[in-house]
């Protein structure tokens, strides 16, 4: 791909100057990663120090996939303000793959946690209500992520104002 001329402005397809305001997304991605790390520290990341019980393999898989997704989100968001759009788009394919793996891993965690809740004396109504809420959240996640899959590998629409 060669340099292009968009609206009288030469654009390098590898590096594009992006306004500083785009760093907002980098800060939001960093905040979400910190919330994830702090929120799950007692039961996952630092569970040894909090004397939390051992976790089954499928919970570790779910935790590793979701944490990887947040890390990738931060990396992608930090690439845009630096003008590294090509790498940002390439990493998008990894994000789609992670998202596709997160859905069944989350279903396994939801299923096992609800089976455990019923076995430990939780009422069917409480467990059904919790299950319904978690499945709705998972459906919302899949609904928001699935349109991104169709964008992987698609060249962005170039407009006169999008290049600077």
C-alpha atoms as a PDB file:
ATOM      1  CA  UNK A   1       0.000   0.000   0.000  1.00  0.00           C
ATOM      2  CA  UNK A   2       1.356   3.436  -0.854  1.00  0.00           C
ATOM      3  CA  UNK A   3       0.847   6.814   0.685  1.00  0.00           C
ATOM      4  CA  UNK A   4      -2.489   8.301  -0.248  1.00  0.00           C
ATOM      5  CA  UNK A   5      -3.789  11.799  -0.750  1.00  0.00           C
ATOM      6  CA  UNK A   6      -7.010  12.395   1.138  1.00  0.00           C
ATOM      7  CA  UNK A   7      -8.459  15.880   1.005  1.00  0.00           C
ATOM      8  CA  UNK A   8      -5.095  17.430   0.197  1.00  0.00           C
ATOM      9  CA  UNK A   9      -3.386  15.691   3.150  1.00  0.00           C
ATOM     10  CA  UNK A  10      -0.828  12.959   2.515  1.00  0.00           C
ATOM     11  CA  UNK A  11      -1.515   9.903   4.654  1.00  0.00           C
ATOM     12  CA  UNK A  12       0.931   7.143   5.500  1.00  0.00           C
ATOM     13  CA  UNK A  13      -1.224   3.971   5.748  1.00  0.00           C
ATOM     14  CA  UNK A  14       1.037   2.522   8.453  1.00  0.00           C
ATOM     15  CA  UNK A  15       1.122   5.554  10.746  1.00  0.00           C
ATOM     16  CA  UNK A  16      -1.743   8.020  10.932  1.00  0.00           C
ATOM     17  CA  UNK A  17      -1.738  11.009  13.249  1.00  0.00           C
ATOM     18  CA  UNK A  18      -4.694  10.756  15.600  1.00  0.00           C
ATOM     19  CA  UNK A  19      -5.913  13.587  17.833  1.00  0.00           C
ATOM     20  CA  UNK A  20      -4.848  13.408  21.493  1.00  0.00           C
ATOM     21  CA  UNK A  21      -8.508  13.039  22.527  1.00  0.00           C
ATOM     22  CA  UNK A  22      -8.314   9.437  21.324  1.00  0.00           C
ATOM     23  CA  UNK A  23      -6.206   8.649  24.401  1.00  0.00           C
ATOM     24  CA  UNK A  24      -9.525   8.644  26.288  1.00  0.00           C
ATOM     25  CA  UNK A  25     -10.064   5.086  25.079  1.00  0.00           C
ATOM     26  CA  UNK A  26      -6.629   4.043  26.275  1.00  0.00           C
ATOM     27  CA  UNK A  27      -7.376   5.394  29.753  1.00  0.00           C
ATOM     28  CA  UNK A  28     -10.782   3.691  29.806  1.00  0.00           C
ATOM     29  CA  UNK A  29      -9.232   0.379  28.733  1.00  0.00           C
ATOM     30  CA  UNK A  30      -6.597   0.751  31.478  1.00  0.00           C
ATOM     31  CA  UNK A  31      -9.327   1.522  34.025  1.00  0.00           C
ATOM     32  CA  UNK A  32     -11.292  -1.582  32.992  1.00  0.00           C
ATOM     33  CA  UNK A  33      -8.178  -3.746  33.320  1.00  0.00           C
ATOM     34  CA  UNK A  34      -7.461  -2.310  36.790  1.00  0.00           C
ATOM     35  CA  UNK A  35     -11.081  -2.908  37.855  1.00  0.00           C
ATOM     36  CA  UNK A  36     -10.754  -6.509  36.619  1.00  0.00           C
ATOM     37  CA  UNK A  37      -7.461  -7.061  38.463  1.00  0.00           C
ATOM     38  CA  UNK A  38      -8.607  -5.442  41.716  1.00  0.00           C
ATOM     39  CA  UNK A  39     -12.083  -6.979  41.632  1.00  0.00           C
ATOM     40  CA  UNK A  40     -10.873 -10.517  41.069  1.00  0.00           C
ATOM     41  CA  UNK A  41      -7.745 -10.319  43.225  1.00  0.00           C
ATOM     42  CA  UNK A  42      -9.270 -11.878  46.351  1.00  0.00           C
ATOM     43  CA  UNK A  43     -10.879 -14.810  44.546  1.00  0.00           C
ATOM     44  CA  UNK A  44      -8.572 -15.349  41.577  1.00  0.00           C
ATOM     45  CA  UNK A  45      -5.310 -13.446  41.134  1.00  0.00           C
ATOM     46  CA  UNK A  46      -4.267 -13.335  44.800  1.00  0.00           C
ATOM     47  CA  UNK A  47      -6.473 -16.128  46.110  1.00  0.00           C
ATOM     48  CA  UNK A  48      -3.532 -17.822  47.862  1.00  0.00           C
ATOM     49  CA  UNK A  49      -3.111 -14.788  50.142  1.00  0.00           C
ATOM     50  CA  UNK A  50      -6.861 -14.519  50.711  1.00  0.00           C
ATOM     51  CA  UNK A  51      -7.178 -18.254  51.464  1.00  0.00           C
ATOM     52  CA  UNK A  52      -9.775 -18.716  48.745  1.00  0.00           C
ATOM     53  CA  UNK A  53     -10.655 -22.296  47.796  1.00  0.00           C
ATOM     54  CA  UNK A  54      -9.047 -24.059  44.854  1.00  0.00           C
ATOM     55  CA  UNK A  55     -10.661 -23.405  41.492  1.00  0.00           C
ATOM     56  CA  UNK A  56     -11.516 -25.927  38.780  1.00  0.00           C
ATOM     57  CA  UNK A  57      -9.699 -25.828  35.449  1.00  0.00           C
ATOM     58  CA  UNK A  58     -12.629 -24.306  33.533  1.00  0.00           C
ATOM     59  CA  UNK A  59     -12.626 -21.305  35.907  1.00  0.00           C
ATOM     60  CA  UNK A  60      -8.900 -20.799  35.295  1.00  0.00           C
ATOM     61  CA  UNK A  61      -9.531 -20.995  31.541  1.00  0.00           C
ATOM     62  CA  UNK A  62     -12.321 -18.425  31.807  1.00  0.00           C
ATOM     63  CA  UNK A  63     -10.144 -16.131  33.948  1.00  0.00           C
ATOM     64  CA  UNK A  64      -7.163 -16.390  31.616  1.00  0.00           C
ATOM     65  CA  UNK A  65      -9.267 -15.746  28.504  1.00  0.00           C
ATOM     66  CA  UNK A  66     -11.108 -12.749  29.940  1.00  0.00           C
ATOM     67  CA  UNK A  67      -7.960 -11.208  31.429  1.00  0.00           C
ATOM     68  CA  UNK A  68      -6.201 -11.679  28.077  1.00  0.00           C
ATOM     69  CA  UNK A  69      -9.111  -9.938  26.391  1.00  0.00           C
ATOM     70  CA  UNK A  70      -8.792  -6.914  28.712  1.00  0.00           C
ATOM     71  CA  UNK A  71      -5.008  -6.779  28.145  1.00  0.00           C
ATOM     72  CA  UNK A  72      -5.512  -6.973  24.375  1.00  0.00           C
ATOM     73  CA  UNK A  73      -8.163  -4.252  24.598  1.00  0.00           C
ATOM     74  CA  UNK A  74      -5.656  -1.983  26.365  1.00  0.00           C
ATOM     75  CA  UNK A  75      -2.954  -2.736  23.793  1.00  0.00           C
ATOM     76  CA  UNK A  76      -5.317  -2.039  20.895  1.00  0.00           C
ATOM     77  CA  UNK A  77      -6.603   1.178  22.439  1.00  0.00           C
ATOM     78  CA  UNK A  78      -3.051   2.409  23.026  1.00  0.00           C
ATOM     79  CA  UNK A  79      -2.088   1.773  19.396  1.00  0.00           C
ATOM     80  CA  UNK A  80      -4.657   4.186  17.938  1.00  0.00           C
ATOM     81  CA  UNK A  81      -3.293   7.406  19.506  1.00  0.00           C
ATOM     82  CA  UNK A  82       0.161   6.370  18.300  1.00  0.00           C
ATOM     83  CA  UNK A  83      -1.151   6.031  14.757  1.00  0.00           C
ATOM     84  CA  UNK A  84      -0.451   2.298  14.579  1.00  0.00           C
ATOM     85  CA  UNK A  85      -3.787   1.498  12.960  1.00  0.00           C
ATOM     86  CA  UNK A  86      -2.578  -1.419  10.850  1.00  0.00           C
ATOM     87  CA  UNK A  87      -1.324  -3.306  13.925  1.00  0.00           C
ATOM     88  CA  UNK A  88      -4.503  -2.310  15.784  1.00  0.00           C
ATOM     89  CA  UNK A  89      -6.575  -3.953  13.043  1.00  0.00           C
ATOM     90  CA  UNK A  90      -4.391  -7.072  12.944  1.00  0.00           C
ATOM     91  CA  UNK A  91      -4.784  -7.524  16.673  1.00  0.00           C
ATOM     92  CA  UNK A  92      -8.532  -7.183  16.198  1.00  0.00           C
ATOM     93  CA  UNK A  93      -8.566 -10.710  14.776  1.00  0.00           C
ATOM     94  CA  UNK A  94      -7.030 -11.986  18.033  1.00  0.00           C
ATOM     95  CA  UNK A  95      -9.693 -10.100  19.965  1.00  0.00           C
ATOM     96  CA  UNK A  96     -12.436 -11.745  17.932  1.00  0.00           C
ATOM     97  CA  UNK A  97     -10.883 -15.170  18.542  1.00  0.00           C
ATOM     98  CA  UNK A  98     -10.667 -14.491  22.284  1.00  0.00           C
ATOM     99  CA  UNK A  99     -14.265 -13.297  22.344  1.00  0.00           C
ATOM    100  CA  UNK A 100     -15.389 -16.449  20.554  1.00  0.00           C
ATOM    101  CA  UNK A 101     -13.610 -18.583  23.179  1.00  0.00           C
ATOM    102  CA  UNK A 102     -14.921 -16.519  26.098  1.00  0.00           C
ATOM    103  CA  UNK A 103     -18.569 -17.353  25.386  1.00  0.00           C
ATOM    104  CA  UNK A 104     -18.356 -21.160  25.858  1.00  0.00           C
ATOM    105  CA  UNK A 105     -15.865 -20.755  28.736  1.00  0.00           C
ATOM    106  CA  UNK A 106     -18.324 -18.433  30.471  1.00  0.00           C
ATOM    107  CA  UNK A 107     -21.192 -20.846  29.856  1.00  0.00           C
ATOM    108  CA  UNK A 108     -19.161 -23.571  31.589  1.00  0.00           C
ATOM    109  CA  UNK A 109     -18.564 -21.309  34.608  1.00  0.00           C
ATOM    110  CA  UNK A 110     -22.244 -20.309  34.762  1.00  0.00           C
ATOM    111  CA  UNK A 111     -23.372 -23.937  34.559  1.00  0.00           C
ATOM    112  CA  UNK A 112     -20.986 -25.153  37.262  1.00  0.00           C
ATOM    113  CA  UNK A 113     -21.725 -22.267  39.618  1.00  0.00           C
ATOM    114  CA  UNK A 114     -25.464 -22.827  39.347  1.00  0.00           C
ATOM    115  CA  UNK A 115     -25.131 -26.583  39.818  1.00  0.00           C
ATOM    116  CA  UNK A 116     -23.064 -25.872  42.933  1.00  0.00           C
ATOM    117  CA  UNK A 117     -25.633 -23.329  44.189  1.00  0.00           C
ATOM    118  CA  UNK A 118     -28.471 -25.843  43.867  1.00  0.00           C
ATOM    119  CA  UNK A 119     -26.374 -28.505  45.604  1.00  0.00           C
ATOM    120  CA  UNK A 120     -25.575 -26.196  48.524  1.00  0.00           C
ATOM    121  CA  UNK A 121     -29.189 -25.439  49.372  1.00  0.00           C
ATOM    122  CA  UNK A 122     -29.962 -22.437  47.179  1.00  0.00           C
ATOM    123  CA  UNK A 123     -33.636 -22.157  46.299  1.00  0.00           C
ATOM    124  CA  UNK A 124     -34.565 -22.906  42.717  1.00  0.00           C
ATOM    125  CA  UNK A 125     -36.075 -19.421  42.365  1.00  0.00           C
ATOM    126  CA  UNK A 126     -32.911 -17.672  43.509  1.00  0.00           C
ATOM    127  CA  UNK A 127     -30.712 -19.829  41.314  1.00  0.00           C
ATOM    128  CA  UNK A 128     -33.016 -19.387  38.284  1.00  0.00           C
ATOM    129  CA  UNK A 129     -33.019 -15.619  38.793  1.00  0.00           C
ATOM    130  CA  UNK A 130     -29.219 -15.525  39.011  1.00  0.00           C
ATOM    131  CA  UNK A 131     -28.906 -17.814  35.990  1.00  0.00           C
ATOM    132  CA  UNK A 132     -31.258 -15.614  33.970  1.00  0.00           C
ATOM    133  CA  UNK A 133     -29.240 -12.494  34.847  1.00  0.00           C
ATOM    134  CA  UNK A 134     -25.905 -14.087  33.974  1.00  0.00           C
ATOM    135  CA  UNK A 135     -27.176 -15.504  30.695  1.00  0.00           C
ATOM    136  CA  UNK A 136     -28.552 -12.063  29.790  1.00  0.00           C
ATOM    137  CA  UNK A 137     -25.134 -10.500  30.458  1.00  0.00           C
ATOM    138  CA  UNK A 138     -23.435 -13.150  28.345  1.00  0.00           C
ATOM    139  CA  UNK A 139     -25.966 -12.588  25.548  1.00  0.00           C
ATOM    140  CA  UNK A 140     -25.325  -8.833  25.702  1.00  0.00           C
ATOM    141  CA  UNK A 141     -21.567  -9.456  25.520  1.00  0.00           C
ATOM    142  CA  UNK A 142     -21.950 -11.739  22.505  1.00  0.00           C
ATOM    143  CA  UNK A 143     -24.351  -9.269  20.863  1.00  0.00           C
ATOM    144  CA  UNK A 144     -21.921  -6.360  21.205  1.00  0.00           C
ATOM    145  CA  UNK A 145     -18.856  -8.361  20.165  1.00  0.00           C
ATOM    146  CA  UNK A 146     -20.319 -10.257  17.190  1.00  0.00           C
ATOM    147  CA  UNK A 147     -20.646  -7.203  14.862  1.00  0.00           C
ATOM    148  CA  UNK A 148     -16.906  -6.610  15.335  1.00  0.00           C
ATOM    149  CA  UNK A 149     -16.229 -10.006  13.754  1.00  0.00           C
ATOM    150  CA  UNK A 150     -17.594  -8.749  10.449  1.00  0.00           C
ATOM    151  CA  UNK A 151     -15.180  -5.789  10.539  1.00  0.00           C
ATOM    152  CA  UNK A 152     -11.981  -7.794  10.887  1.00  0.00           C
ATOM    153  CA  UNK A 153      -9.963  -7.410   7.715  1.00  0.00           C
ATOM    154  CA  UNK A 154     -12.211  -4.669   6.299  1.00  0.00           C
ATOM    155  CA  UNK A 155     -10.414  -1.516   5.196  1.00  0.00           C
ATOM    156  CA  UNK A 156     -11.682   1.525   7.072  1.00  0.00           C
ATOM    157  CA  UNK A 157     -13.778   4.053   5.222  1.00  0.00           C
ATOM    158  CA  UNK A 158     -11.589   7.039   4.360  1.00  0.00           C
ATOM    159  CA  UNK A 159     -13.078  10.503   4.613  1.00  0.00           C
ATOM    160  CA  UNK A 160     -11.526  13.906   4.348  1.00  0.00           C
ATOM    161  CA  UNK A 161     -11.670  14.442   8.130  1.00  0.00           C
ATOM    162  CA  UNK A 162     -10.635  10.942   9.259  1.00  0.00           C
ATOM    163  CA  UNK A 163      -6.972  11.293   8.389  1.00  0.00           C
ATOM    164  CA  UNK A 164      -5.877  14.021  10.821  1.00  0.00           C
END
